PDB file of all heavy atoms in Angstrom:
ATOM      1  N   CYS A   1      98.989 111.776  91.464  1.00  0.00           N
ATOM      2  CA  CYS A   1      98.077 110.759  91.174  1.00  0.00           C
ATOM      3  C   CYS A   1      98.265 110.112  89.792  1.00  0.00           C
ATOM      4  O   CYS A   1      98.664 110.875  88.847  1.00  0.00           O
ATOM      5  CB  CYS A   1      96.619 111.374  91.206  1.00  0.00           C
ATOM      6  SG  CYS A   1      96.140 112.358  89.862  1.00  0.00           S
ATOM      7  N   SER A   2      98.079 108.880  89.668  1.00  0.00           N
ATOM      8  CA  SER A   2      98.287 108.202  88.446  1.00  0.00           C
ATOM      9  C   SER A   2      97.360 108.599  87.381  1.00  0.00           C
ATOM     10  O   SER A   2      97.685 108.472  86.142  1.00  0.00           O
ATOM     11  CB  SER A   2      98.276 106.665  88.612  1.00  0.00           C
ATOM     12  OG  SER A   2      99.105 106.141  89.529  1.00  0.00           O
ATOM     13  N   HIS A   3      96.221 109.125  87.691  1.00  0.00           N
ATOM     14  CA  HIS A   3      95.238 109.584  86.714  1.00  0.00           C
ATOM     15  C   HIS A   3      95.477 110.756  85.949  1.00  0.00           C
ATOM     16  O   HIS A   3      95.242 110.796  84.733  1.00  0.00           O
ATOM     17  CB  HIS A   3      93.806 109.575  87.438  1.00  0.00           C
ATOM     18  CG  HIS A   3      93.401 108.350  88.102  1.00  0.00           C
ATOM     19  ND1 HIS A   3      92.478 108.304  89.119  1.00  0.00           N
ATOM     20  CD2 HIS A   3      93.575 107.060  87.770  1.00  0.00           C
ATOM     21  CE1 HIS A   3      92.258 107.072  89.522  1.00  0.00           C
ATOM     22  NE2 HIS A   3      92.975 106.322  88.715  1.00  0.00           N
ATOM     23  N   HIS A   4      95.983 111.765  86.666  1.00  0.00           N
ATOM     24  CA  HIS A   4      96.145 113.118  86.055  1.00  0.00           C
ATOM     25  C   HIS A   4      97.548 113.626  86.213  1.00  0.00           C
ATOM     26  O   HIS A   4      97.847 114.785  85.670  1.00  0.00           O
ATOM     27  CB  HIS A   4      95.162 114.194  86.614  1.00  0.00           C
ATOM     28  CG  HIS A   4      93.732 113.767  86.304  1.00  0.00           C
ATOM     29  ND1 HIS A   4      92.952 113.144  87.263  1.00  0.00           N
ATOM     30  CD2 HIS A   4      92.957 113.976  85.282  1.00  0.00           C
ATOM     31  CE1 HIS A   4      91.726 112.972  86.797  1.00  0.00           C
ATOM     32  NE2 HIS A   4      91.668 113.423  85.495  1.00  0.00           N
ATOM     33  N   PHE A   5      98.409 112.903  86.924  1.00  0.00           N
ATOM     34  CA  PHE A   5      99.759 113.421  87.243  1.00  0.00           C
ATOM     35  C   PHE A   5      99.707 114.747  88.051  1.00  0.00           C
ATOM     36  O   PHE A   5     100.609 115.617  87.933  1.00  0.00           O
ATOM     37  CB  PHE A   5     100.640 113.630  86.051  1.00  0.00           C
ATOM     38  CG  PHE A   5     101.343 112.246  85.607  1.00  0.00           C
ATOM     39  CD1 PHE A   5     100.836 111.116  86.024  1.00  0.00           C
ATOM     40  CD2 PHE A   5     102.389 112.309  84.752  1.00  0.00           C
ATOM     41  CE1 PHE A   5     101.445 109.922  85.626  1.00  0.00           C
ATOM     42  CE2 PHE A   5     103.056 111.146  84.372  1.00  0.00           C
ATOM     43  CZ  PHE A   5     102.572 109.879  84.841  1.00  0.00           C
ATOM     44  N   CYS A   6      98.654 115.020  88.737  1.00  0.00           N
ATOM     45  CA  CYS A   6      98.498 116.127  89.643  1.00  0.00           C
ATOM     46  C   CYS A   6      99.013 115.790  90.967  1.00  0.00           C
ATOM     47  O   CYS A   6      99.061 114.699  91.443  1.00  0.00           O
ATOM     48  CB  CYS A   6      96.998 116.529  89.806  1.00  0.00           C
ATOM     49  SG  CYS A   6      96.308 117.313  88.291  1.00  0.00           S
ATOM     50  N   PRO A   7      99.610 116.837  91.657  1.00  0.00           N
ATOM     51  CA  PRO A   7     100.183 116.519  92.997  1.00  0.00           C
ATOM     52  C   PRO A   7      99.273 115.911  94.070  1.00  0.00           C
ATOM     53  O   PRO A   7      98.029 116.186  94.044  1.00  0.00           O
ATOM     54  CB  PRO A   7     100.698 117.974  93.380  1.00  0.00           C
ATOM     55  CG  PRO A   7     100.871 118.701  92.128  1.00  0.00           C
ATOM     56  CD  PRO A   7      99.781 118.242  91.271  1.00  0.00           C
ATOM     57  N   VAL A   8      99.885 115.067  94.854  1.00  0.00           N
ATOM     58  CA  VAL A   8      99.198 114.523  96.070  1.00  0.00           C
ATOM     59  C   VAL A   8     100.219 114.907  97.154  1.00  0.00           C
ATOM     60  O   VAL A   8     101.270 114.408  97.226  1.00  0.00           O
ATOM     61  CB  VAL A   8      98.983 113.062  95.899  1.00  0.00           C
ATOM     62  CG1 VAL A   8      98.381 112.474  97.251  1.00  0.00           C
ATOM     63  CG2 VAL A   8      98.088 112.715  94.752  1.00  0.00           C
ATOM     64  N   ILE A   9      99.786 115.744  98.077  1.00  0.00           N
ATOM     65  CA  ILE A   9     100.672 116.212  99.228  1.00  0.00           C
ATOM     66  C   ILE A   9      99.879 115.981 100.486  1.00  0.00           C
ATOM     67  O   ILE A   9      98.773 116.397 100.704  1.00  0.00           O
ATOM     68  CB  ILE A   9     101.012 117.664  99.034  1.00  0.00           C
ATOM     69  CG1 ILE A   9     101.763 117.878  97.682  1.00  0.00           C
ATOM     70  CG2 ILE A   9     101.843 118.181 100.145  1.00  0.00           C
ATOM     71  CD1 ILE A   9     102.103 119.280  97.460  1.00  0.00           C
ATOM     72  N   GLY A  10     100.641 115.308 101.508  1.00  0.00           N
ATOM     73  CA  GLY A  10     100.027 115.031 102.764  1.00  0.00           C
ATOM     74  C   GLY A  10     101.010 114.643 103.727  1.00  0.00           C
ATOM     75  O   GLY A  10     102.180 114.859 103.672  1.00  0.00           O
ATOM     76  N   LYS A  11     100.436 113.844 104.751  1.00  0.00           N
ATOM     77  CA  LYS A  11     101.274 113.446 105.920  1.00  0.00           C
ATOM     78  C   LYS A  11     100.949 111.969 106.196  1.00  0.00           C
ATOM     79  O   LYS A  11      99.852 111.493 105.999  1.00  0.00           O
ATOM     80  CB  LYS A  11     100.956 114.323 107.121  1.00  0.00           C
ATOM     81  CG  LYS A  11     101.390 115.750 106.874  1.00  0.00           C
ATOM     82  CD  LYS A  11     101.194 116.585 108.097  1.00  0.00           C
ATOM     83  CE  LYS A  11     101.496 118.061 107.952  1.00  0.00           C
ATOM     84  NZ  LYS A  11     102.890 118.180 107.494  1.00  0.00           N
ATOM     85  N   VAL A  12     101.929 111.337 106.725  1.00  0.00           N
ATOM     86  CA  VAL A  12     101.780 109.950 107.071  1.00  0.00           C
ATOM     87  C   VAL A  12     102.231 109.726 108.532  1.00  0.00           C
ATOM     88  O   VAL A  12     103.214 110.327 109.006  1.00  0.00           O
ATOM     89  CB  VAL A  12     102.715 109.035 106.217  1.00  0.00           C
ATOM     90  CG1 VAL A  12     102.860 107.657 106.736  1.00  0.00           C
ATOM     91  CG2 VAL A  12     102.127 108.988 104.754  1.00  0.00           C
ATOM     92  N   TRP A  13     101.428 108.947 109.282  1.00  0.00           N
ATOM     93  CA  TRP A  13     101.878 108.498 110.630  1.00  0.00           C
ATOM     94  C   TRP A  13     102.009 107.025 110.599  1.00  0.00           C
ATOM     95  O   TRP A  13     101.217 106.247 110.062  1.00  0.00           O
ATOM     96  CB  TRP A  13     100.810 108.844 111.603  1.00  0.00           C
ATOM     97  CG  TRP A  13     100.531 110.285 111.814  1.00  0.00           C
ATOM     98  CD1 TRP A  13     101.081 111.028 112.860  1.00  0.00           C
ATOM     99  CD2 TRP A  13      99.737 111.241 111.088  1.00  0.00           C
ATOM    100  NE1 TRP A  13     100.647 112.361 112.676  1.00  0.00           N
ATOM    101  CE2 TRP A  13      99.822 112.486 111.661  1.00  0.00           C
ATOM    102  CE3 TRP A  13      98.986 111.031 109.914  1.00  0.00           C
ATOM    103  CZ2 TRP A  13      99.188 113.591 111.175  1.00  0.00           C
ATOM    104  CZ3 TRP A  13      98.344 112.208 109.420  1.00  0.00           C
ATOM    105  CH2 TRP A  13      98.433 113.396 109.966  1.00  0.00           C
ATOM    106  N   ILE A  14     103.108 106.589 111.243  1.00  0.00           N
ATOM    107  CA  ILE A  14     103.466 105.126 111.291  1.00  0.00           C
ATOM    108  C   ILE A  14     103.528 104.625 112.637  1.00  0.00           C
ATOM    109  O   ILE A  14     104.266 105.178 113.547  1.00  0.00           O
ATOM    110  CB  ILE A  14     104.845 104.796 110.608  1.00  0.00           C
ATOM    111  CG1 ILE A  14     104.643 105.338 109.073  1.00  0.00           C
ATOM    112  CG2 ILE A  14     105.134 103.330 110.661  1.00  0.00           C
ATOM    113  CD1 ILE A  14     106.165 105.332 108.385  1.00  0.00           C
ATOM    114  N   GLY A  15     102.781 103.618 113.059  1.00  0.00           N
ATOM    115  CA  GLY A  15     102.899 103.024 114.352  1.00  0.00           C
ATOM    116  C   GLY A  15     103.446 101.627 114.278  1.00  0.00           C
ATOM    117  O   GLY A  15     103.111 100.910 113.401  1.00  0.00           O
ATOM    118  N   VAL A  16     104.315 101.415 115.209  1.00  0.00           N
ATOM    119  CA  VAL A  16     105.069 100.049 115.228  1.00  0.00           C
ATOM    120  C   VAL A  16     104.910  99.484 116.554  1.00  0.00           C
ATOM    121  O   VAL A  16     105.269 100.153 117.556  1.00  0.00           O
ATOM    122  CB  VAL A  16     106.531 100.183 114.820  1.00  0.00           C
ATOM    123  CG1 VAL A  16     107.292  98.867 114.832  1.00  0.00           C
ATOM    124  CG2 VAL A  16     106.698 100.797 113.391  1.00  0.00           C
ATOM    125  N   MET A  17     104.530  98.262 116.645  1.00  0.00           N
ATOM    126  CA  MET A  17     104.567  97.450 117.934  1.00  0.00           C
ATOM    127  C   MET A  17     105.653  96.379 117.751  1.00  0.00           C
ATOM    128  O   MET A  17     105.433  95.342 117.114  1.00  0.00           O
ATOM    129  CB  MET A  17     103.221  96.775 118.113  1.00  0.00           C
ATOM    130  CG  MET A  17     103.130  95.947 119.462  1.00  0.00           C
ATOM    131  SD  MET A  17     103.525  96.893 120.947  1.00  0.00           S
ATOM    132  CE  MET A  17     101.934  97.865 121.069  1.00  0.00           C
ATOM    133  N   PRO A  18     106.798  96.631 118.317  1.00  0.00           N
ATOM    134  CA  PRO A  18     107.977  95.757 118.128  1.00  0.00           C
ATOM    135  C   PRO A  18     107.910  94.538 119.022  1.00  0.00           C
ATOM    136  O   PRO A  18     107.064  94.451 120.023  1.00  0.00           O
ATOM    137  CB  PRO A  18     109.158  96.630 118.470  1.00  0.00           C
ATOM    138  CG  PRO A  18     108.656  97.558 119.530  1.00  0.00           C
ATOM    139  CD  PRO A  18     107.145  97.905 119.150  1.00  0.00           C
ATOM    140  N   ASN A  19     108.755  93.598 118.727  1.00  0.00           N
ATOM    141  CA  ASN A  19     108.905  92.364 119.627  1.00  0.00           C
ATOM    142  C   ASN A  19     110.411  92.176 119.718  1.00  0.00           C
ATOM    143  O   ASN A  19     111.187  92.965 119.116  1.00  0.00           O
ATOM    144  CB  ASN A  19     108.222  91.158 119.082  1.00  0.00           C
ATOM    145  CG  ASN A  19     108.698  90.720 117.686  1.00  0.00           C
ATOM    146  OD1 ASN A  19     109.883  90.548 117.392  1.00  0.00           O
ATOM    147  ND2 ASN A  19     107.758  90.581 116.742  1.00  0.00           N
ATOM    148  N   GLU A  20     110.851  91.243 120.424  1.00  0.00           N
ATOM    149  CA  GLU A  20     112.277  90.979 120.695  1.00  0.00           C
ATOM    150  C   GLU A  20     113.033  90.678 119.415  1.00  0.00           C
ATOM    151  O   GLU A  20     114.253  90.762 119.383  1.00  0.00           O
ATOM    152  CB  GLU A  20     112.476  89.886 121.765  1.00  0.00           C
ATOM    153  CG  GLU A  20     111.953  88.528 121.352  1.00  0.00           C
ATOM    154  CD  GLU A  20     112.187  87.477 122.324  1.00  0.00           C
ATOM    155  OE1 GLU A  20     111.324  87.360 123.239  1.00  0.00           O
ATOM    156  OE2 GLU A  20     113.146  86.799 122.372  1.00  0.00           O
ATOM    157  N   HIS A  21     112.347  90.190 118.421  1.00  0.00           N
ATOM    158  CA  HIS A  21     113.045  89.836 117.146  1.00  0.00           C
ATOM    159  C   HIS A  21     112.930  91.020 116.057  1.00  0.00           C
ATOM    160  O   HIS A  21     113.479  90.905 114.989  1.00  0.00           O
ATOM    161  CB  HIS A  21     112.395  88.596 116.538  1.00  0.00           C
ATOM    162  CG  HIS A  21     112.429  87.500 117.466  1.00  0.00           C
ATOM    163  ND1 HIS A  21     113.487  86.874 117.901  1.00  0.00           N
ATOM    164  CD2 HIS A  21     111.418  86.788 118.061  1.00  0.00           C
ATOM    165  CE1 HIS A  21     113.396  85.953 118.726  1.00  0.00           C
ATOM    166  NE2 HIS A  21     112.004  85.803 118.844  1.00  0.00           N
ATOM    167  N   THR A  22     112.184  92.117 116.440  1.00  0.00           N
ATOM    168  CA  THR A  22     112.113  93.186 115.450  1.00  0.00           C
ATOM    169  C   THR A  22     113.329  93.909 115.239  1.00  0.00           C
ATOM    170  O   THR A  22     114.082  94.262 116.122  1.00  0.00           O
ATOM    171  CB  THR A  22     110.971  94.192 116.055  1.00  0.00           C
ATOM    172  OG1 THR A  22     109.672  93.471 116.136  1.00  0.00           O
ATOM    173  CG2 THR A  22     110.776  95.380 115.016  1.00  0.00           C
ATOM    174  N   ASN A  23     113.591  94.209 113.944  1.00  0.00           N
ATOM    175  CA  ASN A  23     114.709  95.030 113.646  1.00  0.00           C
ATOM    176  C   ASN A  23     114.471  96.472 113.931  1.00  0.00           C
ATOM    177  O   ASN A  23     113.352  96.948 113.649  1.00  0.00           O
ATOM    178  CB  ASN A  23     115.078  94.887 112.101  1.00  0.00           C
ATOM    179  CG  ASN A  23     115.609  93.483 111.822  1.00  0.00           C
ATOM    180  OD1 ASN A  23     116.259  92.797 112.609  1.00  0.00           O
ATOM    181  ND2 ASN A  23     115.214  93.042 110.670  1.00  0.00           N
ATOM    182  N   VAL A  24     115.347  97.208 114.505  1.00  0.00           N
ATOM    183  CA  VAL A  24     115.165  98.607 114.821  1.00  0.00           C
ATOM    184  C   VAL A  24     115.920  99.383 113.732  1.00  0.00           C
ATOM    185  O   VAL A  24     117.062  99.230 113.358  1.00  0.00           O
ATOM    186  CB  VAL A  24     115.766  98.955 116.193  1.00  0.00           C
ATOM    187  CG1 VAL A  24     115.640 100.457 116.474  1.00  0.00           C
ATOM    188  CG2 VAL A  24     115.138  98.089 117.263  1.00  0.00           C
ATOM    189  N   ILE A  25     115.181 100.424 113.161  1.00  0.00           N
ATOM    190  CA  ILE A  25     115.755 101.294 112.201  1.00  0.00           C
ATOM    191  C   ILE A  25     115.675 102.739 112.657  1.00  0.00           C
ATOM    192  O   ILE A  25     114.759 103.101 113.415  1.00  0.00           O
ATOM    193  CB  ILE A  25     115.128 101.144 110.764  1.00  0.00           C
ATOM    194  CG1 ILE A  25     113.673 101.635 110.820  1.00  0.00           C
ATOM    195  CG2 ILE A  25     115.329  99.698 110.345  1.00  0.00           C
ATOM    196  CD1 ILE A  25     112.971 101.463 109.501  1.00  0.00           C
TER     197      ILE A  25
END
């Protein structure tokens, strides 16, 4: 965290709805 420089530990979920022009990574 920017306030105290204490750790922030967690998880992220990412949802993508592609289309025919979407770049795939």
